[in-house]
Amino acid sequence: QMCFWGATVITNLLSSIPYIGSSMTLWLWGNFSVSKATLLRFFSFHFILPFVLTFMVILHIIFLPEKGSNNPLGVNSLMDKISFNPFFIWKDALGMMFTLIFFLLMTMILP
């Protein structure tokens, strides 16, 4: 029942966009009605989007050290560039690990 509701809300939101809403709705779902094919696409998008997001984050992490986050255009600024301190890698990794452990405890042990 919630899947029908979610697909209906997304359909209504898309179709309310002026000029291109109906085209976007037809492109996304294939139709205006919520049917079996619509739910299949809804489930497919919900399955694939986390993987796409994870892939984009990994690409960002891989290519970030090449130019630096303060220089997205690649302008030569070596005199102003400060090297990345390994302390921040450990700090971020530990913070992410503690957050993950906290959420796992909250969901698995103390729901």
PDB file of N, CA and C in Angstrom:
ATOM      1  N   GLN A   1       0.828  -1.188   0.000  1.00  0.00           N
ATOM      2  CA  GLN A   1       0.000   0.000   0.000  1.00  0.00           C
ATOM      3  C   GLN A   1       0.875   1.255   0.000  1.00  0.00           C
ATOM      4  N   MET A   2       1.962   1.228   0.768  1.00  0.00           N
ATOM      5  CA  MET A   2       2.845   2.390   0.814  1.00  0.00           C
ATOM      6  C   MET A   2       3.535   2.621  -0.525  1.00  0.00           C
ATOM      7  N   CYS A   3       3.785   1.541  -1.272  1.00  0.00           N
ATOM      8  CA  CYS A   3       4.417   1.700  -2.581  1.00  0.00           C
ATOM      9  C   CYS A   3       3.492   2.455  -3.524  1.00  0.00           C
ATOM     10  N   PHE A   4       2.209   2.114  -3.490  1.00  0.00           N
ATOM     11  CA  PHE A   4       1.246   2.840  -4.315  1.00  0.00           C
ATOM     12  C   PHE A   4       1.207   4.312  -3.914  1.00  0.00           C
ATOM     13  N   TRP A   5       1.246   4.565  -2.614  1.00  0.00           N
ATOM     14  CA  TRP A   5       1.206   5.944  -2.139  1.00  0.00           C
ATOM     15  C   TRP A   5       2.442   6.714  -2.603  1.00  0.00           C
ATOM     16  N   GLY A   6       3.628   6.104  -2.451  1.00  0.00           N
ATOM     17  CA  GLY A   6       4.864   6.767  -2.865  1.00  0.00           C
ATOM     18  C   GLY A   6       4.898   7.046  -4.354  1.00  0.00           C
ATOM     19  N   ALA A   7       4.497   6.060  -5.146  1.00  0.00           N
ATOM     20  CA  ALA A   7       4.474   6.257  -6.594  1.00  0.00           C
ATOM     21  C   ALA A   7       3.450   7.313  -6.982  1.00  0.00           C
ATOM     22  N   THR A   8       2.321   7.347  -6.285  1.00  0.00           N
ATOM     23  CA  THR A   8       1.299   8.352  -6.580  1.00  0.00           C
ATOM     24  C   THR A   8       1.796   9.750  -6.241  1.00  0.00           C
ATOM     25  N   VAL A   9       2.467   9.895  -5.110  1.00  0.00           N
ATOM     26  CA  VAL A   9       2.992  11.205  -4.716  1.00  0.00           C
ATOM     27  C   VAL A   9       4.035  11.684  -5.718  1.00  0.00           C
ATOM     28  N   ILE A  10       4.941  10.800  -6.104  1.00  0.00           N
ATOM     29  CA  ILE A  10       5.968  11.180  -7.077  1.00  0.00           C
ATOM     30  C   ILE A  10       5.326  11.557  -8.405  1.00  0.00           C
ATOM     31  N   THR A  11       4.317  10.799  -8.826  1.00  0.00           N
ATOM     32  CA  THR A  11       3.611  11.114 -10.072  1.00  0.00           C
ATOM     33  C   THR A  11       2.947  12.480  -9.991  1.00  0.00           C
ATOM     34  N   ASN A  12       2.284  12.767  -8.891  1.00  0.00           N
ATOM     35  CA  ASN A  12       1.616  14.062  -8.743  1.00  0.00           C
ATOM     36  C   ASN A  12       2.621  15.209  -8.702  1.00  0.00           C
ATOM     37  N   LEU A  13       3.736  15.016  -8.007  1.00  0.00           N
ATOM     38  CA  LEU A  13       4.742  16.075  -7.940  1.00  0.00           C
ATOM     39  C   LEU A  13       5.358  16.347  -9.306  1.00  0.00           C
ATOM     40  N   LEU A  14       5.672  15.290 -10.034  1.00  0.00           N
ATOM     41  CA  LEU A  14       6.266  15.482 -11.353  1.00  0.00           C
ATOM     42  C   LEU A  14       5.289  16.116 -12.328  1.00  0.00           C
ATOM     43  N   SER A  15       4.054  15.654 -12.306  1.00  0.00           N
ATOM     44  CA  SER A  15       3.093  16.169 -13.284  1.00  0.00           C
ATOM     45  C   SER A  15       2.676  17.601 -12.986  1.00  0.00           C
ATOM     46  N   SER A  16       2.989  18.117 -11.802  1.00  0.00           N
ATOM     47  CA  SER A  16       2.625  19.501 -11.482  1.00  0.00           C
ATOM     48  C   SER A  16       3.661  20.512 -11.953  1.00  0.00           C
ATOM     49  N   ILE A  17       4.802  20.057 -12.474  1.00  0.00           N
ATOM     50  CA  ILE A  17       5.826  20.974 -12.984  1.00  0.00           C
ATOM     51  C   ILE A  17       5.323  21.579 -14.294  1.00  0.00           C
ATOM     52  N   PRO A  18       5.347  22.907 -14.407  1.00  0.00           N
ATOM     53  CA  PRO A  18       4.831  23.532 -15.635  1.00  0.00           C
ATOM     54  C   PRO A  18       5.646  23.143 -16.867  1.00  0.00           C
ATOM     55  N   TYR A  19       4.981  23.010 -17.975  1.00  0.00           N
ATOM     56  CA  TYR A  19       5.532  22.766 -19.309  1.00  0.00           C
ATOM     57  C   TYR A  19       6.113  21.367 -19.489  1.00  0.00           C
ATOM     58  N   ILE A  20       6.963  20.900 -18.585  1.00  0.00           N
ATOM     59  CA  ILE A  20       7.648  19.625 -18.807  1.00  0.00           C
ATOM     60  C   ILE A  20       7.179  18.524 -17.869  1.00  0.00           C
ATOM     61  N   GLY A  21       6.230  18.806 -16.990  1.00  0.00           N
ATOM     62  CA  GLY A  21       5.809  17.827 -15.993  1.00  0.00           C
ATOM     63  C   GLY A  21       5.224  16.566 -16.587  1.00  0.00           C
ATOM     64  N   SER A  22       4.359  16.722 -17.576  1.00  0.00           N
ATOM     65  CA  SER A  22       3.739  15.525 -18.163  1.00  0.00           C
ATOM     66  C   SER A  22       4.767  14.691 -18.914  1.00  0.00           C
ATOM     67  N   SER A  23       5.695  15.342 -19.596  1.00  0.00           N
ATOM     68  CA  SER A  23       6.742  14.592 -20.309  1.00  0.00           C
ATOM     69  C   SER A  23       7.649  13.850 -19.336  1.00  0.00           C
ATOM     70  N   MET A  24       7.987  14.509 -18.215  1.00  0.00           N
ATOM     71  CA  MET A  24       8.833  13.845 -17.219  1.00  0.00           C
ATOM     72  C   MET A  24       8.116  12.659 -16.585  1.00  0.00           C
ATOM     73  N   THR A  25       6.820  12.806 -16.338  1.00  0.00           N
ATOM     74  CA  THR A  25       6.053  11.705 -15.757  1.00  0.00           C
ATOM     75  C   THR A  25       6.004  10.526 -16.712  1.00  0.00           C
ATOM     76  N   LEU A  26       5.741  10.809 -17.978  1.00  0.00           N
ATOM     77  CA  LEU A  26       5.708   9.726 -18.962  1.00  0.00           C
ATOM     78  C   LEU A  26       7.077   9.081 -19.120  1.00  0.00           C
ATOM     79  N   TRP A  27       8.146   9.871 -19.050  1.00  0.00           N
ATOM     80  CA  TRP A  27       9.477   9.297 -19.174  1.00  0.00           C
ATOM     81  C   TRP A  27       9.818   8.424 -17.969  1.00  0.00           C
ATOM     82  N   LEU A  28       9.457   8.888 -16.764  1.00  0.00           N
ATOM     83  CA  LEU A  28       9.818   8.163 -15.548  1.00  0.00           C
ATOM     84  C   LEU A  28       9.017   6.883 -15.375  1.00  0.00           C
ATOM     85  N   TRP A  29       7.706   6.975 -15.476  1.00  0.00           N
ATOM     86  CA  TRP A  29       6.861   5.824 -15.178  1.00  0.00           C
ATOM     87  C   TRP A  29       6.365   5.107 -16.426  1.00  0.00           C
ATOM     88  N   GLY A  30       6.256   5.818 -17.520  1.00  0.00           N
ATOM     89  CA  GLY A  30       5.686   5.211 -18.712  1.00  0.00           C
ATOM     90  C   GLY A  30       4.206   5.507 -18.847  1.00  0.00           C
ATOM     91  N   ASN A  31       3.580   6.062 -17.812  1.00  0.00           N
ATOM     92  CA  ASN A  31       2.150   6.358 -17.848  1.00  0.00           C
ATOM     93  C   ASN A  31       1.807   7.253 -16.659  1.00  0.00           C
ATOM     94  N   PHE A  32       0.580   7.764 -16.634  1.00  0.00           N
ATOM     95  CA  PHE A  32       0.136   8.589 -15.510  1.00  0.00           C
ATOM     96  C   PHE A  32      -0.456   7.750 -14.385  1.00  0.00           C
ATOM     97  N   SER A  33      -0.896   6.551 -14.687  1.00  0.00           N
ATOM     98  CA  SER A  33      -1.560   5.740 -13.662  1.00  0.00           C
ATOM     99  C   SER A  33      -0.537   4.899 -12.906  1.00  0.00           C
ATOM    100  N   VAL A  34      -0.873   4.566 -11.678  1.00  0.00           N
ATOM    101  CA  VAL A  34      -0.028   3.705 -10.853  1.00  0.00           C
ATOM    102  C   VAL A  34      -0.489   2.275 -11.078  1.00  0.00           C
ATOM    103  N   SER A  35       0.329   1.514 -11.765  1.00  0.00           N
ATOM    104  CA  SER A  35      -0.037   0.136 -12.101  1.00  0.00           C
ATOM    105  C   SER A  35       1.137  -0.781 -11.765  1.00  0.00           C
ATOM    106  N   LYS A  36       1.063  -2.009 -12.236  1.00  0.00           N
ATOM    107  CA  LYS A  36       2.117  -2.977 -11.938  1.00  0.00           C
ATOM    108  C   LYS A  36       3.458  -2.545 -12.545  1.00  0.00           C
ATOM    109  N   ALA A  37       3.422  -2.048 -13.777  1.00  0.00           N
ATOM    110  CA  ALA A  37       4.665  -1.589 -14.412  1.00  0.00           C
ATOM    111  C   ALA A  37       5.238  -0.379 -13.683  1.00  0.00           C
ATOM    112  N   THR A  38       4.363   0.487 -13.186  1.00  0.00           N
ATOM    113  CA  THR A  38       4.815   1.659 -12.434  1.00  0.00           C
ATOM    114  C   THR A  38       5.522   1.231 -11.159  1.00  0.00           C
ATOM    115  N   LEU A  39       4.945   0.278 -10.453  1.00  0.00           N
ATOM    116  CA  LEU A  39       5.577  -0.190  -9.220  1.00  0.00           C
ATOM    117  C   LEU A  39       6.899  -0.884  -9.503  1.00  0.00           C
ATOM    118  N   LEU A  40       6.991  -1.586 -10.624  1.00  0.00           N
ATOM    119  CA  LEU A  40       8.246  -2.231 -10.985  1.00  0.00           C
ATOM    120  C   LEU A  40       9.332  -1.179 -11.206  1.00  0.00           C
ATOM    121  N   ARG A  41       9.000  -0.099 -11.898  1.00  0.00           N
ATOM    122  CA  ARG A  41       9.974   0.974 -12.086  1.00  0.00           C
ATOM    123  C   ARG A  41      10.292   1.652 -10.756  1.00  0.00           C
ATOM    124  N   PHE A  42       9.293   1.823  -9.924  1.00  0.00           N
ATOM    125  CA  PHE A  42       9.486   2.435  -8.607  1.00  0.00           C
ATOM    126  C   PHE A  42      10.483   1.614  -7.788  1.00  0.00           C
ATOM    127  N   PHE A  43      10.295   0.297  -7.756  1.00  0.00           N
ATOM    128  CA  PHE A  43      11.221  -0.572  -7.031  1.00  0.00           C
ATOM    129  C   PHE A  43      12.607  -0.559  -7.672  1.00  0.00           C
ATOM    130  N   SER A  44      12.654  -0.517  -8.992  1.00  0.00           N
ATOM    131  CA  SER A  44      13.943  -0.502  -9.685  1.00  0.00           C
ATOM    132  C   SER A  44      14.733   0.751  -9.346  1.00  0.00           C
ATOM    133  N   PHE A  45      14.057   1.915  -9.360  1.00  0.00           N
ATOM    134  CA  PHE A  45      14.744   3.156  -9.000  1.00  0.00           C
ATOM    135  C   PHE A  45      15.214   3.112  -7.548  1.00  0.00           C
ATOM    136  N   HIS A  46      14.387   2.586  -6.660  1.00  0.00           N
ATOM    137  CA  HIS A  46      14.778   2.520  -5.255  1.00  0.00           C
ATOM    138  C   HIS A  46      15.924   1.543  -5.035  1.00  0.00           C
ATOM    139  N   PHE A  47      16.048   0.542  -5.893  1.00  0.00           N
ATOM    140  CA  PHE A  47      17.148  -0.405  -5.765  1.00  0.00           C
ATOM    141  C   PHE A  47      18.443   0.183  -6.312  1.00  0.00           C
ATOM    142  N   ILE A  48      18.377   0.852  -7.476  1.00  0.00           N
ATOM    143  CA  ILE A  48      19.603   1.271  -8.149  1.00  0.00           C
ATOM    144  C   ILE A  48      20.151   2.599  -7.643  1.00  0.00           C
ATOM    145  N   LEU A  49      19.299   3.503  -7.136  1.00  0.00           N
ATOM    146  CA  LEU A  49      19.776   4.830  -6.745  1.00  0.00           C
ATOM    147  C   LEU A  49      20.809   4.820  -5.615  1.00  0.00           C
ATOM    148  N   PRO A  50      20.702   3.970  -4.581  1.00  0.00           N
ATOM    149  CA  PRO A  50      21.782   3.943  -3.575  1.00  0.00           C
ATOM    150  C   PRO A  50      23.126   3.516  -4.154  1.00  0.00           C
ATOM    151  N   PHE A  51      23.110   2.607  -5.133  1.00  0.00           N
ATOM    152  CA  PHE A  51      24.360   2.196  -5.760  1.00  0.00           C
ATOM    153  C   PHE A  51      24.953   3.327  -6.593  1.00  0.00           C
ATOM    154  N   VAL A  52      24.110   4.070  -7.285  1.00  0.00           N
ATOM    155  CA  VAL A  52      24.585   5.217  -8.062  1.00  0.00           C
ATOM    156  C   VAL A  52      25.179   6.266  -7.130  1.00  0.00           C
ATOM    157  N   LEU A  53      24.505   6.531  -6.031  1.00  0.00           N
ATOM    158  CA  LEU A  53      25.001   7.504  -5.060  1.00  0.00           C
ATOM    159  C   LEU A  53      26.336   7.055  -4.460  1.00  0.00           C
ATOM    160  N   THR A  54      26.450   5.783  -4.121  1.00  0.00           N
ATOM    161  CA  THR A  54      27.701   5.249  -3.579  1.00  0.00           C
ATOM    162  C   THR A  54      28.826   5.362  -4.599  1.00  0.00           C
ATOM    163  N   PHE A  55      28.528   5.058  -5.859  1.00  0.00           N
ATOM    164  CA  PHE A  55      29.522   5.166  -6.923  1.00  0.00           C
ATOM    165  C   PHE A  55      30.006   6.606  -7.079  1.00  0.00           C
ATOM    166  N   MET A  56      29.081   7.561  -7.019  1.00  0.00           N
ATOM    167  CA  MET A  56      29.460   8.968  -7.151  1.00  0.00           C
ATOM    168  C   MET A  56      30.326   9.419  -5.967  1.00  0.00           C
ATOM    169  N   VAL A  57      30.010   8.957  -4.768  1.00  0.00           N
ATOM    170  CA  VAL A  57      30.813   9.309  -3.591  1.00  0.00           C
ATOM    171  C   VAL A  57      32.213   8.718  -3.719  1.00  0.00           C
ATOM    172  N   ILE A  58      32.308   7.471  -4.172  1.00  0.00           N
ATOM    173  CA  ILE A  58      33.620   6.838  -4.340  1.00  0.00           C
ATOM    174  C   ILE A  58      34.440   7.575  -5.392  1.00  0.00           C
ATOM    175  N   LEU A  59      33.809   7.952  -6.506  1.00  0.00           N
ATOM    176  CA  LEU A  59      34.522   8.728  -7.520  1.00  0.00           C
ATOM    177  C   LEU A  59      35.017  10.057  -6.955  1.00  0.00           C
ATOM    178  N   HIS A  60      34.183  10.687  -6.166  1.00  0.00           N
ATOM    179  CA  HIS A  60      34.568  11.957  -5.552  1.00  0.00           C
ATOM    180  C   HIS A  60      35.769  11.767  -4.629  1.00  0.00           C
ATOM    181  N   ILE A  61      35.745  10.713  -3.831  1.00  0.00           N
ATOM    182  CA  ILE A  61      36.848  10.457  -2.900  1.00  0.00           C
ATOM    183  C   ILE A  61      38.129  10.113  -3.655  1.00  0.00           C
ATOM    184  N   ILE A  62      38.003   9.379  -4.761  1.00  0.00           N
ATOM    185  CA  ILE A  62      39.192   8.990  -5.526  1.00  0.00           C
ATOM    186  C   ILE A  62      39.844  10.199  -6.191  1.00  0.00           C
ATOM    187  N   PHE A  63      39.028  11.052  -6.814  1.00  0.00           N
ATOM    188  CA  PHE A  63      39.587  12.147  -7.601  1.00  0.00           C
ATOM    189  C   PHE A  63      39.768  13.447  -6.821  1.00  0.00           C
ATOM    190  N   LEU A  64      39.311  13.513  -5.581  1.00  0.00           N
ATOM    191  CA  LEU A  64      39.456  14.735  -4.798  1.00  0.00           C
ATOM    192  C   LEU A  64      40.909  15.113  -4.538  1.00  0.00           C
ATOM    193  N   PRO A  65      41.810  14.173  -4.196  1.00  0.00           N
ATOM    194  CA  PRO A  65      43.194  14.582  -3.911  1.00  0.00           C
ATOM    195  C   PRO A  65      43.954  15.108  -5.123  1.00  0.00           C
ATOM    196  N   GLU A  66      43.476  14.849  -6.348  1.00  0.00           N
ATOM    197  CA  GLU A  66      44.211  15.296  -7.526  1.00  0.00           C
ATOM    198  C   GLU A  66      44.214  16.811  -7.663  1.00  0.00           C
ATOM    199  N   LYS A  67      43.072  17.432  -7.455  1.00  0.00           N
ATOM    200  CA  LYS A  67      42.978  18.885  -7.610  1.00  0.00           C
ATOM    201  C   LYS A  67      42.778  19.597  -6.284  1.00  0.00           C
ATOM    202  N   GLY A  68      42.238  18.928  -5.309  1.00  0.00           N
ATOM    203  CA  GLY A  68      41.943  19.565  -4.035  1.00  0.00           C
ATOM    204  C   GLY A  68      40.547  20.148  -4.047  1.00  0.00           C
ATOM    205  N   SER A  69      39.910  20.143  -2.903  1.00  0.00           N
ATOM    206  CA  SER A  69      38.534  20.619  -2.848  1.00  0.00           C
ATOM    207  C   SER A  69      38.450  22.133  -2.944  1.00  0.00           C
ATOM    208  N   ASN A  70      39.557  22.832  -2.706  1.00  0.00           N
ATOM    209  CA  ASN A  70      39.523  24.287  -2.791  1.00  0.00           C
ATOM    210  C   ASN A  70      39.848  24.783  -4.191  1.00  0.00           C
ATOM    211  N   ASN A  71      40.059  23.868  -5.144  1.00  0.00           N
ATOM    212  CA  ASN A  71      40.468  24.258  -6.487  1.00  0.00           C
ATOM    213  C   ASN A  71      39.740  23.407  -7.528  1.00  0.00           C
ATOM    214  N   PRO A  72      38.436  23.546  -7.667  1.00  0.00           N
ATOM    215  CA  PRO A  72      37.707  22.674  -8.586  1.00  0.00           C
ATOM    216  C   PRO A  72      38.016  22.940 -10.053  1.00  0.00           C
ATOM    217  N   LEU A  73      38.506  24.140 -10.389  1.00  0.00           N
ATOM    218  CA  LEU A  73      38.808  24.455 -11.783  1.00  0.00           C
ATOM    219  C   LEU A  73      40.204  24.020 -12.197  1.00  0.00           C
ATOM    220  N   GLY A  74      41.028  23.625 -11.244  1.00  0.00           N
ATOM    221  CA  GLY A  74      42.374  23.172 -11.563  1.00  0.00           C
ATOM    222  C   GLY A  74      43.360  24.301 -11.808  1.00  0.00           C
ATOM    223  N   VAL A  75      43.083  25.486 -11.277  1.00  0.00           N
ATOM    224  CA  VAL A  75      43.991  26.616 -11.438  1.00  0.00           C
ATOM    225  C   VAL A  75      45.276  26.320 -10.665  1.00  0.00           C
ATOM    226  N   ASN A  76      46.411  26.665 -11.251  1.00  0.00           N
ATOM    227  CA  ASN A  76      47.692  26.386 -10.611  1.00  0.00           C
ATOM    228  C   ASN A  76      47.852  27.275  -9.383  1.00  0.00           C
ATOM    229  N   SER A  77      47.788  26.671  -8.226  1.00  0.00           N
ATOM    230  CA  SER A  77      47.914  27.428  -6.979  1.00  0.00           C
ATOM    231  C   SER A  77      48.746  26.638  -5.976  1.00  0.00           C
ATOM    232  N   LEU A  78      49.895  26.153  -6.424  1.00  0.00           N
ATOM    233  CA  LEU A  78      50.727  25.316  -5.559  1.00  0.00           C
ATOM    234  C   LEU A  78      51.244  26.081  -4.346  1.00  0.00           C
ATOM    235  N   MET A  79      51.492  27.394  -4.494  1.00  0.00           N
ATOM    236  CA  MET A  79      52.029  28.140  -3.357  1.00  0.00           C
ATOM    237  C   MET A  79      50.990  28.305  -2.254  1.00  0.00           C
ATOM    238  N   ASP A  80      49.706  28.240  -2.606  1.00  0.00           N
ATOM    239  CA  ASP A  80      48.657  28.407  -1.607  1.00  0.00           C
ATOM    240  C   ASP A  80      48.127  27.084  -1.070  1.00  0.00           C
ATOM    241  N   LYS A  81      48.549  25.983  -1.680  1.00  0.00           N
ATOM    242  CA  LYS A  81      47.972  24.692  -1.321  1.00  0.00           C
ATOM    243  C   LYS A  81      48.628  24.137  -0.061  1.00  0.00           C
ATOM    244  N   ILE A  82      47.791  23.747   0.873  1.00  0.00           N
ATOM    245  CA  ILE A  82      48.262  23.141   2.117  1.00  0.00           C
ATOM    246  C   ILE A  82      48.068  21.637   1.992  1.00  0.00           C
ATOM    247  N   SER A  83      49.097  20.867   2.301  1.00  0.00           N
ATOM    248  CA  SER A  83      48.986  19.417   2.161  1.00  0.00           C
ATOM    249  C   SER A  83      47.951  18.863   3.140  1.00  0.00           C
ATOM    250  N   PHE A  84      47.329  17.780   2.731  1.00  0.00           N
ATOM    251  CA  PHE A  84      46.263  17.177   3.525  1.00  0.00           C
ATOM    252  C   PHE A  84      46.878  16.391   4.674  1.00  0.00           C
ATOM    253  N   ASN A  85      46.504  16.721   5.888  1.00  0.00           N
ATOM    254  CA  ASN A  85      47.055  16.090   7.076  1.00  0.00           C
ATOM    255  C   ASN A  85      46.396  14.722   7.293  1.00  0.00           C
ATOM    256  N   PRO A  86      47.194  13.663   7.504  1.00  0.00           N
ATOM    257  CA  PRO A  86      46.610  12.332   7.747  1.00  0.00           C
ATOM    258  C   PRO A  86      45.730  12.276   8.989  1.00  0.00           C
ATOM    259  N   PHE A  87      45.891  13.233   9.897  1.00  0.00           N
ATOM    260  CA  PHE A  87      45.046  13.276  11.088  1.00  0.00           C
ATOM    261  C   PHE A  87      43.573  13.320  10.709  1.00  0.00           C
ATOM    262  N   PHE A  88      43.253  14.078   9.657  1.00  0.00           N
ATOM    263  CA  PHE A  88      41.859  14.221   9.266  1.00  0.00           C
ATOM    264  C   PHE A  88      41.294  12.922   8.697  1.00  0.00           C
ATOM    265  N   ILE A  89      42.136  12.126   8.039  1.00  0.00           N
ATOM    266  CA  ILE A  89      41.676  10.823   7.533  1.00  0.00           C
ATOM    267  C   ILE A  89      41.280   9.935   8.706  1.00  0.00           C
ATOM    268  N   TRP A  90      42.147   9.870   9.728  1.00  0.00           N
ATOM    269  CA  TRP A  90      41.844   9.043  10.901  1.00  0.00           C
ATOM    270  C   TRP A  90      40.635   9.574  11.658  1.00  0.00           C
ATOM    271  N   LYS A  91      40.561  10.899  11.789  1.00  0.00           N
ATOM    272  CA  LYS A  91      39.436  11.514  12.502  1.00  0.00           C
ATOM    273  C   LYS A  91      38.117  11.206  11.791  1.00  0.00           C
ATOM    274  N   ASP A  92      38.099  11.352  10.472  1.00  0.00           N
ATOM    275  CA  ASP A  92      36.875  11.073   9.720  1.00  0.00           C
ATOM    276  C   ASP A  92      36.520   9.590   9.758  1.00  0.00           C
ATOM    277  N   ALA A  93      37.538   8.723   9.649  1.00  0.00           N
ATOM    278  CA  ALA A  93      37.274   7.282   9.673  1.00  0.00           C
ATOM    279  C   ALA A  93      36.721   6.849  11.031  1.00  0.00           C
ATOM    280  N   LEU A  94      37.308   7.349  12.113  1.00  0.00           N
ATOM    281  CA  LEU A  94      36.806   7.004  13.444  1.00  0.00           C
ATOM    282  C   LEU A  94      35.407   7.566  13.676  1.00  0.00           C
ATOM    283  N   GLY A  95      35.176   8.784  13.238  1.00  0.00           N
ATOM    284  CA  GLY A  95      33.843   9.368  13.379  1.00  0.00           C
ATOM    285  C   GLY A  95      32.796   8.576  12.620  1.00  0.00           C
ATOM    286  N   MET A  96      33.145   8.152  11.404  1.00  0.00           N
ATOM    287  CA  MET A  96      32.211   7.354  10.618  1.00  0.00           C
ATOM    288  C   MET A  96      31.979   5.989  11.276  1.00  0.00           C
ATOM    289  N   MET A  97      33.050   5.391  11.821  1.00  0.00           N
ATOM    290  CA  MET A  97      32.913   4.095  12.474  1.00  0.00           C
ATOM    291  C   MET A  97      32.038   4.191  13.725  1.00  0.00           C
ATOM    292  N   PHE A  98      32.260   5.213  14.549  1.00  0.00           N
ATOM    293  CA  PHE A  98      31.438   5.383  15.751  1.00  0.00           C
ATOM    294  C   PHE A  98      29.979   5.654  15.402  1.00  0.00           C
ATOM    295  N   THR A  99      29.753   6.445  14.374  1.00  0.00           N
ATOM    296  CA  THR A  99      28.380   6.720  13.942  1.00  0.00           C
ATOM    297  C   THR A  99      27.709   5.449  13.443  1.00  0.00           C
ATOM    298  N   LEU A 100      28.437   4.657  12.658  1.00  0.00           N
ATOM    299  CA  LEU A 100      27.883   3.402  12.149  1.00  0.00           C
ATOM    300  C   LEU A 100      27.572   2.443  13.296  1.00  0.00           C
ATOM    301  N   ILE A 101      28.481   2.335  14.260  1.00  0.00           N
ATOM    302  CA  ILE A 101      28.234   1.463  15.414  1.00  0.00           C
ATOM    303  C   ILE A 101      27.025   1.940  16.200  1.00  0.00           C
ATOM    304  N   PHE A 102      26.907   3.254  16.387  1.00  0.00           N
ATOM    305  CA  PHE A 102      25.766   3.814  17.114  1.00  0.00           C
ATOM    306  C   PHE A 102      24.455   3.474  16.414  1.00  0.00           C
ATOM    307  N   PHE A 103      24.403   3.680  15.103  1.00  0.00           N
ATOM    308  CA  PHE A 103      23.166   3.393  14.376  1.00  0.00           C
ATOM    309  C   PHE A 103      22.861   1.897  14.342  1.00  0.00           C
ATOM    310  N   LEU A 104      23.907   1.063  14.238  1.00  0.00           N
ATOM    311  CA  LEU A 104      23.674  -0.380  14.276  1.00  0.00           C
ATOM    312  C   LEU A 104      23.143  -0.808  15.639  1.00  0.00           C
ATOM    313  N   LEU A 105      23.688  -0.238  16.715  1.00  0.00           N
ATOM    314  CA  LEU A 105      23.170  -0.551  18.048  1.00  0.00           C
ATOM    315  C   LEU A 105      21.716  -0.121  18.184  1.00  0.00           C
ATOM    316  N   MET A 106      21.409   1.064  17.681  1.00  0.00           N
ATOM    317  CA  MET A 106      20.041   1.575  17.793  1.00  0.00           C
ATOM    318  C   MET A 106      19.051   0.738  16.987  1.00  0.00           C
ATOM    319  N   THR A 107      19.478   0.228  15.839  1.00  0.00           N
ATOM    320  CA  THR A 107      18.535  -0.508  14.993  1.00  0.00           C
ATOM    321  C   THR A 107      18.493  -1.997  15.303  1.00  0.00           C
ATOM    322  N   MET A 108      19.622  -2.575  15.688  1.00  0.00           N
ATOM    323  CA  MET A 108      19.659  -4.026  15.870  1.00  0.00           C
ATOM    324  C   MET A 108      19.403  -4.461  17.316  1.00  0.00           C
ATOM    325  N   ILE A 109      19.939  -3.737  18.275  1.00  0.00           N
ATOM    326  CA  ILE A 109      19.851  -4.178  19.665  1.00  0.00           C
ATOM    327  C   ILE A 109      18.741  -3.457  20.418  1.00  0.00           C
ATOM    328  N   LEU A 110      18.636  -2.149  20.242  1.00  0.00           N
ATOM    329  CA  LEU A 110      17.632  -1.362  20.962  1.00  0.00           C
ATOM    330  C   LEU A 110      16.674  -0.687  19.975  1.00  0.00           C
ATOM    331  N   PRO A 111      15.846  -1.453  19.293  1.00  0.00           N
ATOM    332  CA  PRO A 111      14.971  -0.830  18.280  1.00  0.00           C
ATOM    333  C   PRO A 111      13.873   0.013  18.900  1.00  0.00           C
TER     334      PRO A 111
END
